[in-house]
């Protein structure tokens, strides 16, 4: 089993930055791809960003490309999401997840094996 705990959410003004962290425990995730998803009020959960096991491959949703950066520190069993130039439409609960494999080509809810409980990001205008 893998436990994922997100942190770093909060309230920020539009144009500001936040860095989310996802700490894994229970089993090393260094061999697993990791991803971030988000769910805005009244909307379905959507993919945000992903990184492969070694950190050499990343993938982003078009809505965050150029503003968000995903990274990982396998020695710390932690994945990060640096969010810059935040917009009110980025307001959501952000979830960390892993498919339990080195990489997947379909980053959808049903493919993920483990999820964190989420951290709330609120961007004010």
N, C-alpha and C. Protein backbone atom coordinates (compact mmCIF):
# COMPACT_ATOMS: atom_id res chain seq x y z
N UNK A 1 0.83 -1.20 0.00
CA UNK A 1 0.00 0.00 0.00
C UNK A 1 0.86 1.25 0.00
N UNK A 2 0.35 2.27 -0.64
CA UNK A 2 1.02 3.56 -0.69
C UNK A 2 0.08 4.61 -0.09
N UNK A 3 0.59 5.38 0.83
CA UNK A 3 -0.18 6.50 1.37
C UNK A 3 0.41 7.79 0.83
N UNK A 4 -0.46 8.67 0.38
CA UNK A 4 -0.05 9.95 -0.20
C UNK A 4 -0.69 11.08 0.59
N UNK A 5 0.12 12.06 0.98
CA UNK A 5 -0.39 13.19 1.76
C UNK A 5 0.05 14.48 1.09
N UNK A 6 -0.92 15.26 0.67
CA UNK A 6 -0.64 16.55 0.04
C UNK A 6 -0.56 17.65 1.09
N UNK A 7 0.22 18.68 0.78
CA UNK A 7 0.31 19.87 1.63
C UNK A 7 0.69 21.05 0.77
N UNK A 8 0.56 22.24 1.34
CA UNK A 8 0.97 23.44 0.64
C UNK A 8 -0.14 24.28 0.06
N UNK A 9 -1.36 23.79 0.15
CA UNK A 9 -2.48 24.58 -0.35
C UNK A 9 -2.75 25.79 0.51
N UNK A 10 -3.59 26.67 0.00
CA UNK A 10 -3.94 27.87 0.76
C UNK A 10 -4.60 28.90 -0.11
N UNK A 11 -4.68 30.11 0.42
CA UNK A 11 -5.30 31.22 -0.29
C UNK A 11 -4.21 32.11 -0.87
N UNK A 12 -4.34 32.44 -2.14
CA UNK A 12 -3.35 33.29 -2.80
C UNK A 12 -4.07 34.21 -3.78
N UNK A 13 -3.50 35.38 -4.00
CA UNK A 13 -4.09 36.30 -4.97
C UNK A 13 -3.73 35.90 -6.39
N UNK A 14 -4.56 36.29 -7.31
CA UNK A 14 -4.29 36.03 -8.72
C UNK A 14 -2.92 36.60 -9.08
N UNK A 15 -2.16 35.80 -9.85
CA UNK A 15 -0.81 36.20 -10.21
C UNK A 15 0.25 35.66 -9.26
N UNK A 16 -0.19 35.15 -8.13
CA UNK A 16 0.73 34.64 -7.13
C UNK A 16 1.18 33.21 -7.41
N UNK A 17 1.94 32.67 -6.45
CA UNK A 17 2.51 31.34 -6.60
C UNK A 17 2.27 30.50 -5.34
N UNK A 18 2.23 29.20 -5.55
CA UNK A 18 2.18 28.24 -4.46
C UNK A 18 2.96 27.01 -4.88
N UNK A 19 3.52 26.30 -3.90
CA UNK A 19 4.15 25.02 -4.19
C UNK A 19 3.48 23.95 -3.36
N UNK A 20 2.92 22.99 -4.05
CA UNK A 20 2.30 21.85 -3.38
C UNK A 20 3.31 20.72 -3.24
N UNK A 21 3.18 19.97 -2.17
CA UNK A 21 4.02 18.80 -1.95
C UNK A 21 3.13 17.58 -1.76
N UNK A 22 3.66 16.43 -2.16
CA UNK A 22 2.96 15.17 -1.97
C UNK A 22 3.98 14.19 -1.39
N UNK A 23 3.81 13.85 -0.14
CA UNK A 23 4.72 12.94 0.54
C UNK A 23 4.15 11.53 0.53
N UNK A 24 4.95 10.60 0.09
CA UNK A 24 4.52 9.20 0.01
C UNK A 24 5.11 8.40 1.16
N UNK A 25 4.35 7.44 1.62
CA UNK A 25 4.82 6.53 2.66
C UNK A 25 4.22 5.16 2.43
N UNK A 26 4.73 4.19 3.17
CA UNK A 26 4.22 2.83 3.05
C UNK A 26 5.02 2.00 2.08
N UNK A 27 5.48 2.63 1.02
CA UNK A 27 6.28 1.95 0.00
C UNK A 27 6.98 3.02 -0.81
N UNK A 28 8.22 2.83 -1.18
CA UNK A 28 8.90 3.83 -2.02
C UNK A 28 8.20 3.99 -3.36
N UNK A 29 8.06 5.21 -3.79
CA UNK A 29 7.40 5.47 -5.07
C UNK A 29 8.39 5.83 -6.15
N UNK A 30 9.68 5.60 -5.88
CA UNK A 30 10.70 5.99 -6.84
C UNK A 30 10.56 5.26 -8.18
N UNK A 31 9.89 4.13 -8.20
CA UNK A 31 9.69 3.40 -9.45
C UNK A 31 8.35 3.72 -10.11
N UNK A 32 7.59 4.62 -9.53
CA UNK A 32 6.25 4.92 -10.01
C UNK A 32 6.16 6.31 -10.63
N UNK A 33 5.38 6.43 -11.68
CA UNK A 33 4.98 7.74 -12.15
C UNK A 33 4.04 8.37 -11.12
N UNK A 34 4.08 9.68 -11.07
CA UNK A 34 3.24 10.42 -10.12
C UNK A 34 2.50 11.52 -10.86
N UNK A 35 1.30 11.83 -10.39
CA UNK A 35 0.53 12.87 -11.06
C UNK A 35 -0.24 13.74 -10.09
N UNK A 36 -0.65 14.89 -10.61
CA UNK A 36 -1.53 15.79 -9.88
C UNK A 36 -2.83 15.95 -10.66
N UNK A 37 -3.91 15.93 -9.93
CA UNK A 37 -5.24 16.17 -10.47
C UNK A 37 -5.88 17.28 -9.65
N UNK A 38 -6.97 17.83 -10.14
CA UNK A 38 -7.70 18.83 -9.37
C UNK A 38 -9.18 18.73 -9.64
N UNK A 39 -9.94 19.18 -8.64
CA UNK A 39 -11.39 19.19 -8.78
C UNK A 39 -11.92 20.52 -8.27
N UNK A 40 -12.48 21.29 -9.19
CA UNK A 40 -13.07 22.57 -8.84
C UNK A 40 -14.51 22.35 -8.38
N UNK A 41 -15.06 23.28 -7.61
CA UNK A 41 -16.44 23.12 -7.14
C UNK A 41 -17.42 22.91 -8.28
N UNK A 42 -18.21 21.87 -8.19
CA UNK A 42 -19.23 21.60 -9.20
C UNK A 42 -18.71 20.99 -10.49
N UNK A 43 -17.42 20.65 -10.51
CA UNK A 43 -16.84 20.09 -11.74
C UNK A 43 -16.23 18.73 -11.47
N UNK A 44 -15.97 18.00 -12.54
CA UNK A 44 -15.33 16.71 -12.41
C UNK A 44 -13.83 16.89 -12.16
N UNK A 45 -13.25 15.87 -11.57
CA UNK A 45 -11.80 15.92 -11.36
C UNK A 45 -11.09 15.83 -12.70
N UNK A 46 -10.01 16.62 -12.83
CA UNK A 46 -9.28 16.66 -14.10
C UNK A 46 -7.79 16.51 -13.86
N UNK A 47 -7.12 16.02 -14.89
CA UNK A 47 -5.67 15.86 -14.86
C UNK A 47 -4.99 17.22 -14.92
N UNK A 48 -3.87 17.34 -14.17
CA UNK A 48 -3.10 18.59 -14.19
C UNK A 48 -1.69 18.36 -14.72
N UNK A 49 -0.95 17.42 -14.10
CA UNK A 49 0.44 17.22 -14.48
C UNK A 49 0.89 15.84 -14.05
N UNK A 50 1.92 15.32 -14.74
CA UNK A 50 2.46 14.00 -14.41
C UNK A 50 3.95 13.99 -14.64
N UNK A 51 4.62 13.07 -13.95
CA UNK A 51 6.06 12.92 -14.08
C UNK A 51 6.39 11.43 -13.98
N UNK A 52 7.33 10.99 -14.81
CA UNK A 52 7.65 9.57 -14.79
C UNK A 52 8.55 9.24 -13.60
N UNK A 53 8.89 7.97 -13.45
CA UNK A 53 9.59 7.53 -12.26
C UNK A 53 10.93 8.24 -12.07
N UNK A 54 11.63 8.52 -13.14
CA UNK A 54 12.95 9.12 -13.04
C UNK A 54 12.96 10.64 -13.12
N UNK A 55 11.81 11.22 -13.46
CA UNK A 55 11.73 12.67 -13.58
C UNK A 55 12.10 13.21 -14.94
N UNK A 56 12.45 12.33 -15.87
CA UNK A 56 12.88 12.80 -17.18
C UNK A 56 11.76 13.09 -18.15
N UNK A 57 10.57 12.64 -17.82
CA UNK A 57 9.42 12.86 -18.69
C UNK A 57 8.31 13.51 -17.88
N UNK A 58 7.77 14.60 -18.41
CA UNK A 58 6.64 15.27 -17.77
C UNK A 58 5.53 15.49 -18.80
N UNK A 59 4.35 15.71 -18.28
CA UNK A 59 3.17 15.88 -19.14
C UNK A 59 2.22 16.82 -18.41
N UNK A 60 1.66 17.79 -19.15
CA UNK A 60 0.82 18.80 -18.53
C UNK A 60 -0.49 18.96 -19.27
N UNK A 61 -1.52 19.33 -18.53
CA UNK A 61 -2.75 19.76 -19.16
C UNK A 61 -2.50 21.10 -19.86
N UNK A 62 -3.17 21.33 -20.95
CA UNK A 62 -2.95 22.57 -21.71
C UNK A 62 -3.24 23.80 -20.86
N UNK A 63 -4.18 23.67 -19.94
CA UNK A 63 -4.59 24.82 -19.13
C UNK A 63 -3.51 25.30 -18.16
N UNK A 64 -2.52 24.47 -17.87
CA UNK A 64 -1.48 24.85 -16.91
C UNK A 64 -0.09 24.89 -17.54
N UNK A 65 0.02 24.51 -18.79
CA UNK A 65 1.32 24.46 -19.45
C UNK A 65 1.97 25.84 -19.44
N UNK A 66 3.23 25.88 -19.04
CA UNK A 66 3.95 27.15 -18.99
C UNK A 66 3.80 27.87 -17.66
N UNK A 67 2.86 27.44 -16.83
CA UNK A 67 2.66 28.09 -15.52
C UNK A 67 2.99 27.14 -14.36
N UNK A 68 2.72 25.86 -14.54
CA UNK A 68 2.95 24.87 -13.49
C UNK A 68 4.15 24.00 -13.86
N UNK A 69 4.87 23.55 -12.83
CA UNK A 69 6.00 22.65 -13.04
C UNK A 69 5.94 21.52 -12.02
N UNK A 70 5.96 20.31 -12.52
CA UNK A 70 5.98 19.14 -11.63
C UNK A 70 7.43 18.66 -11.52
N UNK A 71 7.79 18.23 -10.31
CA UNK A 71 9.13 17.70 -10.07
C UNK A 71 9.05 16.66 -8.96
N UNK A 72 10.14 15.96 -8.77
CA UNK A 72 10.14 14.95 -7.72
C UNK A 72 11.52 14.81 -7.11
N UNK A 73 11.55 14.37 -5.86
CA UNK A 73 12.78 14.07 -5.14
C UNK A 73 12.61 12.65 -4.61
N UNK A 74 13.16 11.69 -5.32
CA UNK A 74 12.96 10.29 -4.94
C UNK A 74 13.63 9.95 -3.62
N UNK A 75 14.68 10.66 -3.28
CA UNK A 75 15.33 10.42 -1.99
C UNK A 75 14.40 10.78 -0.83
N UNK A 76 13.51 11.74 -1.08
CA UNK A 76 12.56 12.17 -0.05
C UNK A 76 11.18 11.57 -0.27
N UNK A 77 11.04 10.76 -1.32
CA UNK A 77 9.73 10.14 -1.61
C UNK A 77 8.64 11.20 -1.73
N UNK A 78 8.99 12.30 -2.39
CA UNK A 78 8.09 13.46 -2.47
C UNK A 78 8.01 13.99 -3.89
N UNK A 79 6.82 14.42 -4.25
CA UNK A 79 6.56 15.05 -5.54
C UNK A 79 6.05 16.46 -5.28
N UNK A 80 6.40 17.37 -6.17
CA UNK A 80 6.04 18.77 -6.00
C UNK A 80 5.26 19.28 -7.21
N UNK A 81 4.48 20.31 -6.96
CA UNK A 81 3.83 21.03 -8.05
C UNK A 81 4.02 22.52 -7.78
N UNK A 82 4.90 23.13 -8.55
CA UNK A 82 5.12 24.58 -8.46
C UNK A 82 4.10 25.26 -9.35
N UNK A 83 3.30 26.12 -8.76
CA UNK A 83 2.23 26.80 -9.50
C UNK A 83 2.49 28.29 -9.51
N UNK A 84 2.72 28.83 -10.69
CA UNK A 84 2.99 30.27 -10.85
C UNK A 84 1.87 30.91 -11.67
N UNK A 85 1.81 32.23 -11.61
CA UNK A 85 0.81 32.99 -12.37
C UNK A 85 -0.59 32.41 -12.16
N UNK A 86 -0.92 32.18 -10.94
CA UNK A 86 -2.20 31.54 -10.62
C UNK A 86 -3.38 32.41 -11.02
N UNK A 87 -4.45 31.74 -11.45
CA UNK A 87 -5.67 32.40 -11.89
C UNK A 87 -6.83 31.93 -11.01
N UNK A 88 -7.88 32.71 -10.93
CA UNK A 88 -9.04 32.27 -10.14
C UNK A 88 -9.57 30.91 -10.59
N UNK A 89 -9.47 30.61 -11.87
CA UNK A 89 -9.95 29.32 -12.37
C UNK A 89 -9.07 28.15 -11.96
N UNK A 90 -7.94 28.42 -11.33
CA UNK A 90 -7.12 27.34 -10.76
C UNK A 90 -7.63 26.90 -9.39
N UNK A 91 -8.62 27.61 -8.85
CA UNK A 91 -9.18 27.25 -7.55
C UNK A 91 -9.77 25.85 -7.60
N UNK A 92 -9.30 24.99 -6.70
CA UNK A 92 -9.74 23.59 -6.70
C UNK A 92 -9.08 22.86 -5.53
N UNK A 93 -9.56 21.66 -5.29
CA UNK A 93 -8.84 20.74 -4.43
C UNK A 93 -7.86 19.98 -5.32
N UNK A 94 -6.60 19.98 -4.92
CA UNK A 94 -5.55 19.33 -5.71
C UNK A 94 -5.20 18.00 -5.06
N UNK A 95 -5.19 16.96 -5.89
CA UNK A 95 -4.91 15.60 -5.44
C UNK A 95 -3.63 15.07 -6.08
N UNK A 96 -2.90 14.34 -5.29
CA UNK A 96 -1.74 13.60 -5.77
C UNK A 96 -2.18 12.15 -6.01
N UNK A 97 -1.63 11.53 -7.04
CA UNK A 97 -2.02 10.15 -7.35
C UNK A 97 -0.89 9.44 -8.07
N UNK A 98 -0.96 8.12 -8.04
CA UNK A 98 0.00 7.32 -8.80
C UNK A 98 -0.69 6.09 -9.39
N UNK A 99 -0.31 5.71 -10.60
CA UNK A 99 -0.88 4.50 -11.19
C UNK A 99 -0.20 3.24 -10.66
N UNK A 100 0.89 3.42 -9.91
CA UNK A 100 1.61 2.25 -9.41
C UNK A 100 2.48 1.59 -10.46
N UNK A 101 2.79 2.33 -11.54
CA UNK A 101 3.68 1.86 -12.60
C UNK A 101 4.62 3.00 -12.99
N UNK A 102 5.62 2.68 -13.82
CA UNK A 102 6.61 3.69 -14.18
C UNK A 102 6.01 4.81 -15.03
N UNK A 103 4.99 4.47 -15.83
CA UNK A 103 4.35 5.49 -16.67
C UNK A 103 3.04 4.92 -17.21
N UNK A 104 2.11 5.83 -17.48
CA UNK A 104 0.88 5.46 -18.20
C UNK A 104 0.64 6.52 -19.25
N UNK A 105 -0.05 6.16 -20.30
CA UNK A 105 -0.32 7.11 -21.38
C UNK A 105 -1.70 7.73 -21.26
N UNK A 106 -2.48 7.22 -20.33
CA UNK A 106 -3.82 7.76 -20.10
C UNK A 106 -3.94 8.16 -18.65
N UNK A 107 -3.87 9.46 -18.41
CA UNK A 107 -3.93 9.96 -17.05
C UNK A 107 -5.39 10.29 -16.71
N UNK A 108 -6.11 9.26 -16.36
CA UNK A 108 -7.51 9.39 -15.96
C UNK A 108 -7.71 8.76 -14.59
N UNK A 109 -8.82 9.14 -13.95
CA UNK A 109 -9.09 8.64 -12.59
C UNK A 109 -9.00 7.13 -12.50
N UNK A 110 -9.59 6.44 -13.45
CA UNK A 110 -9.73 4.99 -13.35
C UNK A 110 -8.39 4.27 -13.41
N UNK A 111 -7.37 4.97 -13.94
CA UNK A 111 -6.06 4.33 -14.08
C UNK A 111 -5.22 4.45 -12.81
N UNK A 112 -5.56 5.40 -11.95
CA UNK A 112 -4.76 5.64 -10.76
C UNK A 112 -5.03 4.57 -9.70
N UNK A 113 -3.95 4.11 -9.08
CA UNK A 113 -4.07 3.06 -8.06
C UNK A 113 -4.16 3.62 -6.65
N UNK A 114 -3.51 4.77 -6.43
CA UNK A 114 -3.48 5.36 -5.10
C UNK A 114 -3.73 6.86 -5.21
N UNK A 115 -4.44 7.39 -4.20
CA UNK A 115 -4.79 8.82 -4.16
C UNK A 115 -4.51 9.39 -2.78
N UNK A 116 -4.16 10.66 -2.76
CA UNK A 116 -4.15 11.40 -1.52
C UNK A 116 -5.53 11.96 -1.25
N UNK A 117 -5.68 12.66 -0.12
CA UNK A 117 -6.98 13.21 0.24
C UNK A 117 -7.19 14.62 -0.27
N UNK A 118 -6.15 15.23 -0.77
CA UNK A 118 -6.27 16.53 -1.39
C UNK A 118 -5.90 17.70 -0.51
N UNK A 119 -5.56 18.80 -1.16
CA UNK A 119 -5.28 20.06 -0.48
C UNK A 119 -5.96 21.18 -1.27
N UNK A 120 -6.59 22.10 -0.57
CA UNK A 120 -7.39 23.13 -1.22
C UNK A 120 -6.53 24.34 -1.61
N UNK A 121 -6.67 24.73 -2.86
CA UNK A 121 -6.03 25.95 -3.37
C UNK A 121 -7.13 26.92 -3.76
N UNK A 122 -7.07 28.11 -3.20
CA UNK A 122 -8.06 29.14 -3.52
C UNK A 122 -7.33 30.35 -4.06
N UNK A 123 -7.69 30.77 -5.26
CA UNK A 123 -7.06 31.92 -5.90
C UNK A 123 -8.10 33.04 -5.98
N UNK A 124 -7.81 34.14 -5.31
CA UNK A 124 -8.75 35.26 -5.29
C UNK A 124 -8.41 36.24 -6.42
N UNK A 125 -9.45 36.89 -6.92
CA UNK A 125 -9.25 37.83 -8.03
C UNK A 125 -8.99 39.24 -7.53
